[in-house]
Amino acid sequence: MTGALAPTKPLTAVDRCDRCGAQAYIRASLPVGGELLFCAHHGRRHVAALRDKGADIQDESARLSETPTSNATER
């Protein structure tokens, strides 16, 4: 059976790494069903092997280097 995957929702602060409990930035959707969540550290460690096994990877780790915006006015 083939078909389009439902769009994945963005990861939030509530999503935690299955390995260490830190905030998750990487989701691996497994071809047999289910998903694994990883922090950036553990995601980098495991993502290549998971991708080789057919997992769909959602990597939001670039958010770690984003600069927050401020609406404050300069004084």
PDB file of N, CA and C in Angstrom:
ATOM      1  N   MET A   1       0.843  -1.168   0.000  1.00  0.00           N
ATOM      2  CA  MET A   1       0.000   0.000   0.000  1.00  0.00           C
ATOM      3  C   MET A   1       0.893   1.238   0.000  1.00  0.00           C
ATOM      4  N   THR A   2       0.591   2.180  -0.864  1.00  0.00           N
ATOM      5  CA  THR A   2       1.339   3.428  -0.902  1.00  0.00           C
ATOM      6  C   THR A   2       0.369   4.577  -0.783  1.00  0.00           C
ATOM      7  N   GLY A   3       0.863   5.708  -0.404  1.00  0.00           N
ATOM      8  CA  GLY A   3       0.025   6.888  -0.273  1.00  0.00           C
ATOM      9  C   GLY A   3       0.823   8.039   0.270  1.00  0.00           C
ATOM     10  N   ALA A   4       0.246   9.202   0.215  1.00  0.00           N
ATOM     11  CA  ALA A   4       0.925  10.382   0.726  1.00  0.00           C
ATOM     12  C   ALA A   4       0.870  10.382   2.252  1.00  0.00           C
ATOM     13  N   LEU A   5       1.956  10.796   2.844  1.00  0.00           N
ATOM     14  CA  LEU A   5       1.995  10.903   4.290  1.00  0.00           C
ATOM     15  C   LEU A   5       1.302  12.191   4.711  1.00  0.00           C
ATOM     16  N   ALA A   6       0.648  12.131   5.847  1.00  0.00           N
ATOM     17  CA  ALA A   6       0.036  13.345   6.395  1.00  0.00           C
ATOM     18  C   ALA A   6       1.154  14.307   6.789  1.00  0.00           C
ATOM     19  N   PRO A   7       0.928  15.595   6.628  1.00  0.00           N
ATOM     20  CA  PRO A   7       1.975  16.541   7.021  1.00  0.00           C
ATOM     21  C   PRO A   7       2.284  16.404   8.516  1.00  0.00           C
ATOM     22  N   THR A   8       3.558  16.487   8.854  1.00  0.00           N
ATOM     23  CA  THR A   8       3.936  16.378  10.253  1.00  0.00           C
ATOM     24  C   THR A   8       3.854  17.745  10.908  1.00  0.00           C
ATOM     25  N   LYS A   9       3.422  17.749  12.134  1.00  0.00           N
ATOM     26  CA  LYS A   9       3.306  19.005  12.861  1.00  0.00           C
ATOM     27  C   LYS A   9       4.678  19.414  13.395  1.00  0.00           C
ATOM     28  N   PRO A  10       4.893  20.705  13.578  1.00  0.00           N
ATOM     29  CA  PRO A  10       6.178  21.164  14.112  1.00  0.00           C
ATOM     30  C   PRO A  10       6.414  20.622  15.516  1.00  0.00           C
ATOM     31  N   LEU A  11       7.654  20.412  15.853  1.00  0.00           N
ATOM     32  CA  LEU A  11       8.006  19.974  17.197  1.00  0.00           C
ATOM     33  C   LEU A  11       7.906  21.164  18.149  1.00  0.00           C
ATOM     34  N   THR A  12       7.488  20.898  19.377  1.00  0.00           N
ATOM     35  CA  THR A  12       7.333  21.959  20.374  1.00  0.00           C
ATOM     36  C   THR A  12       8.191  21.641  21.597  1.00  0.00           C
ATOM     37  N   ALA A  13       8.195  22.544  22.560  1.00  0.00           N
ATOM     38  CA  ALA A  13       8.960  22.347  23.794  1.00  0.00           C
ATOM     39  C   ALA A  13       8.446  21.158  24.603  1.00  0.00           C
ATOM     40  N   VAL A  14       7.236  20.719  24.341  1.00  0.00           N
ATOM     41  CA  VAL A  14       6.664  19.568  25.043  1.00  0.00           C
ATOM     42  C   VAL A  14       7.251  18.257  24.517  1.00  0.00           C
ATOM     43  N   ASP A  15       7.701  18.244  23.256  1.00  0.00           N
ATOM     44  CA  ASP A  15       8.280  17.038  22.659  1.00  0.00           C
ATOM     45  C   ASP A  15       9.670  16.812  23.237  1.00  0.00           C
ATOM     46  N   ARG A  16       9.906  15.610  23.747  1.00  0.00           N
ATOM     47  CA  ARG A  16      11.155  15.308  24.444  1.00  0.00           C
ATOM     48  C   ARG A  16      11.900  14.168  23.755  1.00  0.00           C
ATOM     49  N   CYS A  17      13.227  14.209  23.848  1.00  0.00           N
ATOM     50  CA  CYS A  17      14.105  13.184  23.273  1.00  0.00           C
ATOM     51  C   CYS A  17      13.826  11.841  23.940  1.00  0.00           C
ATOM     52  N   ASP A  18      13.644  10.800  23.128  1.00  0.00           N
ATOM     53  CA  ASP A  18      13.401   9.464  23.658  1.00  0.00           C
ATOM     54  C   ASP A  18      14.643   8.882  24.327  1.00  0.00           C
ATOM     55  N   ARG A  19      15.794   9.455  24.074  1.00  0.00           N
ATOM     56  CA  ARG A  19      17.045   8.940  24.631  1.00  0.00           C
ATOM     57  C   ARG A  19      17.389   9.588  25.971  1.00  0.00           C
ATOM     58  N   CYS A  20      17.267  10.943  26.053  1.00  0.00           N
ATOM     59  CA  CYS A  20      17.737  11.629  27.261  1.00  0.00           C
ATOM     60  C   CYS A  20      16.716  12.566  27.907  1.00  0.00           C
ATOM     61  N   GLY A  21      15.602  12.833  27.239  1.00  0.00           N
ATOM     62  CA  GLY A  21      14.579  13.684  27.818  1.00  0.00           C
ATOM     63  C   GLY A  21      14.731  15.170  27.524  1.00  0.00           C
ATOM     64  N   ALA A  22      15.777  15.579  26.808  1.00  0.00           N
ATOM     65  CA  ALA A  22      15.944  16.986  26.422  1.00  0.00           C
ATOM     66  C   ALA A  22      14.900  17.341  25.359  1.00  0.00           C
ATOM     67  N   GLN A  23      14.769  18.632  25.057  1.00  0.00           N
ATOM     68  CA  GLN A  23      13.812  19.051  24.033  1.00  0.00           C
ATOM     69  C   GLN A  23      14.166  18.410  22.694  1.00  0.00           C
ATOM     70  N   ALA A  24      13.158  17.862  22.026  1.00  0.00           N
ATOM     71  CA  ALA A  24      13.364  17.188  20.742  1.00  0.00           C
ATOM     72  C   ALA A  24      13.349  18.187  19.591  1.00  0.00           C
ATOM     73  N   TYR A  25      14.291  18.017  18.676  1.00  0.00           N
ATOM     74  CA  TYR A  25      14.359  18.820  17.466  1.00  0.00           C
ATOM     75  C   TYR A  25      14.340  17.952  16.208  1.00  0.00           C
ATOM     76  N   ILE A  26      14.360  16.641  16.385  1.00  0.00           N
ATOM     77  CA  ILE A  26      14.380  15.718  15.248  1.00  0.00           C
ATOM     78  C   ILE A  26      13.343  14.627  15.477  1.00  0.00           C
ATOM     79  N   ARG A  27      12.505  14.406  14.457  1.00  0.00           N
ATOM     80  CA  ARG A  27      11.497  13.343  14.497  1.00  0.00           C
ATOM     81  C   ARG A  27      11.844  12.347  13.394  1.00  0.00           C
ATOM     82  N   ALA A  28      11.906  11.073  13.748  1.00  0.00           N
ATOM     83  CA  ALA A  28      12.119  10.005  12.775  1.00  0.00           C
ATOM     84  C   ALA A  28      10.830   9.191  12.712  1.00  0.00           C
ATOM     85  N   SER A  29      10.111   9.284  11.584  1.00  0.00           N
ATOM     86  CA  SER A  29       8.898   8.494  11.374  1.00  0.00           C
ATOM     87  C   SER A  29       9.312   7.176  10.736  1.00  0.00           C
ATOM     88  N   LEU A  30       9.054   6.102  11.425  1.00  0.00           N
ATOM     89  CA  LEU A  30       9.523   4.786  10.990  1.00  0.00           C
ATOM     90  C   LEU A  30       8.602   4.185   9.941  1.00  0.00           C
ATOM     91  N   PRO A  31       9.166   3.444   8.971  1.00  0.00           N
ATOM     92  CA  PRO A  31       8.344   2.870   7.913  1.00  0.00           C
ATOM     93  C   PRO A  31       7.346   1.830   8.406  1.00  0.00           C
ATOM     94  N   VAL A  32       7.596   1.223   9.552  1.00  0.00           N
ATOM     95  CA  VAL A  32       6.680   0.220  10.102  1.00  0.00           C
ATOM     96  C   VAL A  32       5.632   0.847  11.008  1.00  0.00           C
ATOM     97  N   GLY A  33       5.690   2.164  11.143  1.00  0.00           N
ATOM     98  CA  GLY A  33       4.769   2.885  12.013  1.00  0.00           C
ATOM     99  C   GLY A  33       5.489   3.376  13.253  1.00  0.00           C
ATOM    100  N   GLY A  34       4.942   4.370  13.860  1.00  0.00           N
ATOM    101  CA  GLY A  34       5.553   4.940  15.050  1.00  0.00           C
ATOM    102  C   GLY A  34       6.608   5.967  14.702  1.00  0.00           C
ATOM    103  N   GLU A  35       7.122   6.596  15.734  1.00  0.00           N
ATOM    104  CA  GLU A  35       8.145   7.611  15.539  1.00  0.00           C
ATOM    105  C   GLU A  35       9.069   7.658  16.735  1.00  0.00           C
ATOM    106  N   LEU A  36      10.253   8.188  16.486  1.00  0.00           N
ATOM    107  CA  LEU A  36      11.233   8.420  17.542  1.00  0.00           C
ATOM    108  C   LEU A  36      11.548   9.898  17.543  1.00  0.00           C
ATOM    109  N   LEU A  37      11.714  10.462  18.739  1.00  0.00           N
ATOM    110  CA  LEU A  37      12.067  11.868  18.871  1.00  0.00           C
ATOM    111  C   LEU A  37      13.458  11.952  19.483  1.00  0.00           C
ATOM    112  N   PHE A  38      14.263  12.893  18.963  1.00  0.00           N
ATOM    113  CA  PHE A  38      15.626  13.059  19.452  1.00  0.00           C
ATOM    114  C   PHE A  38      15.976  14.522  19.637  1.00  0.00           C
ATOM    115  N   CYS A  39      16.825  14.805  20.636  1.00  0.00           N
ATOM    116  CA  CYS A  39      17.447  16.114  20.741  1.00  0.00           C
ATOM    117  C   CYS A  39      18.434  16.219  19.572  1.00  0.00           C
ATOM    118  N   ALA A  40      19.010  17.380  19.362  1.00  0.00           N
ATOM    119  CA  ALA A  40      19.938  17.553  18.240  1.00  0.00           C
ATOM    120  C   ALA A  40      21.148  16.622  18.387  1.00  0.00           C
ATOM    121  N   HIS A  41      21.660  16.495  19.597  1.00  0.00           N
ATOM    122  CA  HIS A  41      22.837  15.654  19.839  1.00  0.00           C
ATOM    123  C   HIS A  41      22.570  14.189  19.460  1.00  0.00           C
ATOM    124  N   HIS A  42      21.536  13.610  20.003  1.00  0.00           N
ATOM    125  CA  HIS A  42      21.246  12.208  19.713  1.00  0.00           C
ATOM    126  C   HIS A  42      20.722  12.019  18.291  1.00  0.00           C
ATOM    127  N   GLY A  43      20.048  13.024  17.759  1.00  0.00           N
ATOM    128  CA  GLY A  43      19.604  12.950  16.370  1.00  0.00           C
ATOM    129  C   GLY A  43      20.786  12.828  15.418  1.00  0.00           C
ATOM    130  N   ARG A  44      21.805  13.670  15.622  1.00  0.00           N
ATOM    131  CA  ARG A  44      22.997  13.588  14.757  1.00  0.00           C
ATOM    132  C   ARG A  44      23.645  12.223  14.860  1.00  0.00           C
ATOM    133  N   ARG A  45      23.561  11.643  16.027  1.00  0.00           N
ATOM    134  CA  ARG A  45      24.192  10.341  16.253  1.00  0.00           C
ATOM    135  C   ARG A  45      23.458   9.203  15.525  1.00  0.00           C
ATOM    136  N   HIS A  46      22.129   9.297  15.402  1.00  0.00           N
ATOM    137  CA  HIS A  46      21.339   8.171  14.904  1.00  0.00           C
ATOM    138  C   HIS A  46      20.646   8.395  13.560  1.00  0.00           C
ATOM    139  N   VAL A  47      20.572   9.632  13.074  1.00  0.00           N
ATOM    140  CA  VAL A  47      19.750   9.929  11.901  1.00  0.00           C
ATOM    141  C   VAL A  47      20.220   9.192  10.634  1.00  0.00           C
ATOM    142  N   ALA A  48      21.509   9.033  10.420  1.00  0.00           N
ATOM    143  CA  ALA A  48      21.985   8.360   9.208  1.00  0.00           C
ATOM    144  C   ALA A  48      21.516   6.903   9.163  1.00  0.00           C
ATOM    145  N   ALA A  49      21.632   6.206  10.277  1.00  0.00           N
ATOM    146  CA  ALA A  49      21.209   4.801  10.319  1.00  0.00           C
ATOM    147  C   ALA A  49      19.696   4.685  10.147  1.00  0.00           C
ATOM    148  N   LEU A  50      18.953   5.598  10.758  1.00  0.00           N
ATOM    149  CA  LEU A  50      17.495   5.568  10.611  1.00  0.00           C
ATOM    150  C   LEU A  50      17.072   5.865   9.176  1.00  0.00           C
ATOM    151  N   ARG A  51      17.725   6.824   8.548  1.00  0.00           N
ATOM    152  CA  ARG A  51      17.415   7.151   7.155  1.00  0.00           C
ATOM    153  C   ARG A  51      17.728   5.951   6.253  1.00  0.00           C
ATOM    154  N   ASP A  52      18.836   5.271   6.508  1.00  0.00           N
ATOM    155  CA  ASP A  52      19.195   4.076   5.730  1.00  0.00           C
ATOM    156  C   ASP A  52      18.151   2.974   5.865  1.00  0.00           C
ATOM    157  N   LYS A  53      17.454   2.949   6.986  1.00  0.00           N
ATOM    158  CA  LYS A  53      16.410   1.936   7.209  1.00  0.00           C
ATOM    159  C   LYS A  53      15.044   2.402   6.724  1.00  0.00           C
ATOM    160  N   GLY A  54      14.992   3.571   6.061  1.00  0.00           N
ATOM    161  CA  GLY A  54      13.756   4.031   5.450  1.00  0.00           C
ATOM    162  C   GLY A  54      12.938   5.012   6.261  1.00  0.00           C
ATOM    163  N   ALA A  55      13.479   5.496   7.360  1.00  0.00           N
ATOM    164  CA  ALA A  55      12.737   6.459   8.188  1.00  0.00           C
ATOM    165  C   ALA A  55      12.659   7.808   7.479  1.00  0.00           C
ATOM    166  N   ASP A  56      11.547   8.484   7.674  1.00  0.00           N
ATOM    167  CA  ASP A  56      11.372   9.850   7.185  1.00  0.00           C
ATOM    168  C   ASP A  56      11.829  10.775   8.309  1.00  0.00           C
ATOM    169  N   ILE A  57      12.778  11.659   8.014  1.00  0.00           N
ATOM    170  CA  ILE A  57      13.385  12.498   9.046  1.00  0.00           C
ATOM    171  C   ILE A  57      12.871  13.929   8.950  1.00  0.00           C
ATOM    172  N   GLN A  58      12.393  14.456  10.054  1.00  0.00           N
ATOM    173  CA  GLN A  58      12.003  15.859  10.174  1.00  0.00           C
ATOM    174  C   GLN A  58      13.033  16.497  11.106  1.00  0.00           C
ATOM    175  N   ASP A  59      13.912  17.327  10.548  1.00  0.00           N
ATOM    176  CA  ASP A  59      15.004  17.917  11.321  1.00  0.00           C
ATOM    177  C   ASP A  59      14.758  19.412  11.506  1.00  0.00           C
ATOM    178  N   GLU A  60      14.498  19.816  12.722  1.00  0.00           N
ATOM    179  CA  GLU A  60      14.277  21.224  13.050  1.00  0.00           C
ATOM    180  C   GLU A  60      15.424  21.771  13.898  1.00  0.00           C
ATOM    181  N   SER A  61      16.580  21.107  13.876  1.00  0.00           N
ATOM    182  CA  SER A  61      17.697  21.525  14.724  1.00  0.00           C
ATOM    183  C   SER A  61      18.260  22.894  14.332  1.00  0.00           C
ATOM    184  N   ALA A  62      17.971  23.383  13.140  1.00  0.00           N
ATOM    185  CA  ALA A  62      18.429  24.721  12.744  1.00  0.00           C
ATOM    186  C   ALA A  62      17.817  25.798  13.637  1.00  0.00           C
ATOM    187  N   ARG A  63      16.700  25.489  14.281  1.00  0.00           N
ATOM    188  CA  ARG A  63      16.072  26.449  15.199  1.00  0.00           C
ATOM    189  C   ARG A  63      16.987  26.801  16.367  1.00  0.00           C
ATOM    190  N   LEU A  64      17.937  25.928  16.679  1.00  0.00           N
ATOM    191  CA  LEU A  64      18.846  26.183  17.786  1.00  0.00           C
ATOM    192  C   LEU A  64      19.756  27.381  17.525  1.00  0.00           C
ATOM    193  N   SER A  65      20.013  27.694  16.270  1.00  0.00           N
ATOM    194  CA  SER A  65      20.914  28.800  15.949  1.00  0.00           C
ATOM    195  C   SER A  65      20.177  30.064  15.508  1.00  0.00           C
ATOM    196  N   GLU A  66      18.854  30.055  15.583  1.00  0.00           N
ATOM    197  CA  GLU A  66      18.080  31.242  15.225  1.00  0.00           C
ATOM    198  C   GLU A  66      18.229  32.307  16.313  1.00  0.00           C
ATOM    199  N   THR A  67      18.215  33.547  15.886  1.00  0.00           N
ATOM    200  CA  THR A  67      18.260  34.675  16.818  1.00  0.00           C
ATOM    201  C   THR A  67      16.840  35.122  17.096  1.00  0.00           C
ATOM    202  N   PRO A  68      16.462  35.230  18.360  1.00  0.00           N
ATOM    203  CA  PRO A  68      15.110  35.684  18.669  1.00  0.00           C
ATOM    204  C   PRO A  68      14.914  37.139  18.207  1.00  0.00           C
ATOM    205  N   THR A  69      13.722  37.437  17.764  1.00  0.00           N
ATOM    206  CA  THR A  69      13.413  38.805  17.354  1.00  0.00           C
ATOM    207  C   THR A  69      12.830  39.551  18.533  1.00  0.00           C
ATOM    208  N   SER A  70      12.998  40.848  18.523  1.00  0.00           N
ATOM    209  CA  SER A  70      12.498  41.661  19.610  1.00  0.00           C
ATOM    210  C   SER A  70      11.650  42.791  19.055  1.00  0.00           C
ATOM    211  N   ASN A  71      10.542  43.047  19.707  1.00  0.00           N
ATOM    212  CA  ASN A  71       9.676  44.153  19.307  1.00  0.00           C
ATOM    213  C   ASN A  71       9.953  45.398  20.136  1.00  0.00           C
ATOM    214  N   ALA A  72      10.943  45.319  21.014  1.00  0.00           N
ATOM    215  CA  ALA A  72      11.266  46.461  21.872  1.00  0.00           C
ATOM    216  C   ALA A  72      11.851  47.593  21.043  1.00  0.00           C
ATOM    217  N   THR A  73      11.543  48.785  21.402  1.00  0.00           N
ATOM    218  CA  THR A  73      12.092  49.941  20.699  1.00  0.00           C
ATOM    219  C   THR A  73      13.416  50.327  21.329  1.00  0.00           C
ATOM    220  N   GLU A  74      14.293  50.896  20.531  1.00  0.00           N
ATOM    221  CA  GLU A  74      15.601  51.335  21.040  1.00  0.00           C
ATOM    222  C   GLU A  74      15.427  52.595  21.874  1.00  0.00           C
ATOM    223  N   ARG A  75      16.238  52.735  22.880  1.00  0.00           N
ATOM    224  CA  ARG A  75      16.171  53.922  23.747  1.00  0.00           C
ATOM    225  C   ARG A  75      17.203  54.924  23.348  1.00  0.00           C
TER     226      ARG A  75
END
